[in-house]
Amino acid sequence: MAFTADKPLLFDFDKGAYRVSEFKKDTVKIEKWSEVIRLNPSELVSYNTIVIGTAGHALDIITEMLRGDSRNTRKDGALTMQDYGKLGLIFADWLKDA
């Protein structure tokens, strides 16, 4: 349904775009958060709609990035409360810029 939007670009965080066949539009497969950050805003000017597939998987990718730094995790591997705050800020900042 998202591909019916005006000039959409799908950020495929959950690797689910392959399920769309008939109406498939431009898609960027995202494996790491660094791939999102590297996108230059000038590359997005021809699109009117950014589709996030899915926000939950986008947050999972950010979480894995934060876990890469041992200062961000507790002994059991879970993020600290402060880092859940970082997670929200990183995602919210990206949404403002997108």
C-alpha atoms as a PDB file:
ATOM      1  CA  MET A   1       0.000   0.000   0.000  1.00  0.00           C
ATOM      2  CA  ALA A   2       2.881   2.390   0.724  1.00  0.00           C
ATOM      3  CA  PHE A   3       3.974   2.245  -2.914  1.00  0.00           C
ATOM      4  CA  THR A   4       0.728   3.985  -3.898  1.00  0.00           C
ATOM      5  CA  ALA A   5       1.997   7.182  -2.208  1.00  0.00           C
ATOM      6  CA  ASP A   6       3.307  10.088  -4.280  1.00  0.00           C
ATOM      7  CA  LYS A   7       6.848   9.287  -5.527  1.00  0.00           C
ATOM      8  CA  PRO A   8       7.746   6.852  -2.740  1.00  0.00           C
ATOM      9  CA  LEU A   9      11.143   5.540  -1.679  1.00  0.00           C
ATOM     10  CA  LEU A  10      11.137   2.539   0.640  1.00  0.00           C
ATOM     11  CA  PHE A  11      13.839   2.148   3.257  1.00  0.00           C
ATOM     12  CA  ASP A  12      13.666  -1.636   3.573  1.00  0.00           C
ATOM     13  CA  PHE A  13      14.879  -2.314   7.114  1.00  0.00           C
ATOM     14  CA  ASP A  14      13.046  -5.640   7.467  1.00  0.00           C
ATOM     15  CA  LYS A  15      14.006  -7.134   4.080  1.00  0.00           C
ATOM     16  CA  GLY A  16      10.349  -7.490   3.147  1.00  0.00           C
ATOM     17  CA  ALA A  17      10.247  -5.579  -0.142  1.00  0.00           C
ATOM     18  CA  TYR A  18      10.758  -8.796  -2.099  1.00  0.00           C
ATOM     19  CA  ARG A  19       7.136  -9.692  -1.294  1.00  0.00           C
ATOM     20  CA  VAL A  20       5.881  -6.831  -3.464  1.00  0.00           C
ATOM     21  CA  SER A  21       5.887  -7.623  -7.131  1.00  0.00           C
ATOM     22  CA  GLU A  22       3.260  -5.738  -9.086  1.00  0.00           C
ATOM     23  CA  PHE A  23       3.585  -2.183  -7.728  1.00  0.00           C
ATOM     24  CA  LYS A  24       7.204  -2.201  -6.536  1.00  0.00           C
ATOM     25  CA  LYS A  25       8.976   1.164  -6.629  1.00  0.00           C
ATOM     26  CA  ASP A  26      12.449   2.347  -5.648  1.00  0.00           C
ATOM     27  CA  THR A  27      13.835   0.590  -2.593  1.00  0.00           C
ATOM     28  CA  VAL A  28      16.974   0.977  -0.487  1.00  0.00           C
ATOM     29  CA  LYS A  29      17.878  -2.176   1.449  1.00  0.00           C
ATOM     30  CA  ILE A  30      19.255  -1.222   4.853  1.00  0.00           C
ATOM     31  CA  GLU A  31      21.547  -3.586   6.763  1.00  0.00           C
ATOM     32  CA  LYS A  32      23.320  -1.099   9.062  1.00  0.00           C
ATOM     33  CA  TRP A  33      22.433   2.328  10.440  1.00  0.00           C
ATOM     34  CA  SER A  34      25.590   3.733   8.823  1.00  0.00           C
ATOM     35  CA  GLU A  35      23.930   3.131   5.428  1.00  0.00           C
ATOM     36  CA  VAL A  36      21.093   5.456   6.426  1.00  0.00           C
ATOM     37  CA  ILE A  37      23.469   8.138   7.662  1.00  0.00           C
ATOM     38  CA  ARG A  38      25.518   7.996   4.452  1.00  0.00           C
ATOM     39  CA  LEU A  39      22.504   8.888   2.304  1.00  0.00           C
ATOM     40  CA  ASN A  40      22.913  12.386   0.983  1.00  0.00           C
ATOM     41  CA  PRO A  41      19.730  14.517   1.094  1.00  0.00           C
ATOM     42  CA  SER A  42      20.359  15.430  -2.544  1.00  0.00           C
ATOM     43  CA  GLU A  43      19.757  11.754  -3.404  1.00  0.00           C
ATOM     44  CA  LEU A  44      16.227  12.026  -2.020  1.00  0.00           C
ATOM     45  CA  VAL A  45      14.986  15.140  -3.829  1.00  0.00           C
ATOM     46  CA  SER A  46      13.145  13.185  -6.529  1.00  0.00           C
ATOM     47  CA  TYR A  47      10.962  11.482  -3.886  1.00  0.00           C
ATOM     48  CA  ASN A  48       7.955  12.983  -2.127  1.00  0.00           C
ATOM     49  CA  THR A  49       7.374  10.110   0.305  1.00  0.00           C
ATOM     50  CA  ILE A  50       9.814   8.148   2.453  1.00  0.00           C
ATOM     51  CA  VAL A  51       8.447   4.769   3.538  1.00  0.00           C
ATOM     52  CA  ILE A  52       9.989   2.997   6.535  1.00  0.00           C
ATOM     53  CA  GLY A  53       9.624  -0.764   6.398  1.00  0.00           C
ATOM     54  CA  THR A  54       9.399  -1.217   9.350  1.00  0.00           C
ATOM     55  CA  ALA A  55      10.052   1.227  12.192  1.00  0.00           C
ATOM     56  CA  GLY A  56      10.540  -1.686  14.598  1.00  0.00           C
ATOM     57  CA  HIS A  57      13.336  -3.111  12.478  1.00  0.00           C
ATOM     58  CA  ALA A  58      14.884   0.348  12.093  1.00  0.00           C
ATOM     59  CA  LEU A  59      15.015   0.602  15.879  1.00  0.00           C
ATOM     60  CA  ASP A  60      16.519  -2.908  16.047  1.00  0.00           C
ATOM     61  CA  ILE A  61      19.314  -1.809  13.695  1.00  0.00           C
ATOM     62  CA  ILE A  62      20.042   1.251  15.844  1.00  0.00           C
ATOM     63  CA  THR A  63      20.016  -0.960  18.944  1.00  0.00           C
ATOM     64  CA  GLU A  64      22.621  -3.263  17.408  1.00  0.00           C
ATOM     65  CA  MET A  65      24.764  -0.245  16.572  1.00  0.00           C
ATOM     66  CA  LEU A  66      24.584   0.917  20.198  1.00  0.00           C
ATOM     67  CA  ARG A  67      25.377  -2.589  21.456  1.00  0.00           C
ATOM     68  CA  GLY A  68      28.600  -2.447  19.453  1.00  0.00           C
ATOM     69  CA  ASP A  69      30.004  -0.217  22.203  1.00  0.00           C
ATOM     70  CA  SER A  70      30.294  -2.142  25.475  1.00  0.00           C
ATOM     71  CA  ARG A  71      29.688   1.082  27.438  1.00  0.00           C
ATOM     72  CA  ASN A  72      26.103   1.001  26.153  1.00  0.00           C
ATOM     73  CA  THR A  73      25.121  -2.366  27.573  1.00  0.00           C
ATOM     74  CA  ARG A  74      24.556  -3.986  30.913  1.00  0.00           C
ATOM     75  CA  LYS A  75      26.189  -7.308  31.825  1.00  0.00           C
ATOM     76  CA  ASP A  76      23.217  -9.207  30.402  1.00  0.00           C
ATOM     77  CA  GLY A  77      23.641  -7.467  27.015  1.00  0.00           C
ATOM     78  CA  ALA A  78      20.578  -5.219  27.353  1.00  0.00           C
ATOM     79  CA  LEU A  79      20.864  -1.510  26.673  1.00  0.00           C
ATOM     80  CA  THR A  80      21.122   0.824  29.628  1.00  0.00           C
ATOM     81  CA  MET A  81      18.279   3.268  30.283  1.00  0.00           C
ATOM     82  CA  GLN A  82      20.431   6.120  29.024  1.00  0.00           C
ATOM     83  CA  ASP A  83      21.013   4.269  25.791  1.00  0.00           C
ATOM     84  CA  TYR A  84      17.318   3.693  25.256  1.00  0.00           C
ATOM     85  CA  GLY A  85      17.170   7.481  25.407  1.00  0.00           C
ATOM     86  CA  LYS A  86      19.937   7.685  22.782  1.00  0.00           C
ATOM     87  CA  LEU A  87      18.017   5.198  20.643  1.00  0.00           C
ATOM     88  CA  GLY A  88      14.950   7.423  20.666  1.00  0.00           C
ATOM     89  CA  LEU A  89      16.951  10.562  19.943  1.00  0.00           C
ATOM     90  CA  ILE A  90      18.821   9.004  17.012  1.00  0.00           C
ATOM     91  CA  PHE A  91      15.578   7.819  15.422  1.00  0.00           C
ATOM     92  CA  ALA A  92      13.680  11.067  16.112  1.00  0.00           C
ATOM     93  CA  ASP A  93      16.532  13.181  14.717  1.00  0.00           C
ATOM     94  CA  TRP A  94      16.602  11.085  11.570  1.00  0.00           C
ATOM     95  CA  LEU A  95      12.837  11.426  11.118  1.00  0.00           C
ATOM     96  CA  LYS A  96      13.138  15.213  11.387  1.00  0.00           C
ATOM     97  CA  ASP A  97      15.847  15.241   8.712  1.00  0.00           C
ATOM     98  CA  ALA A  98      14.180  12.742   6.343  1.00  0.00           C
END
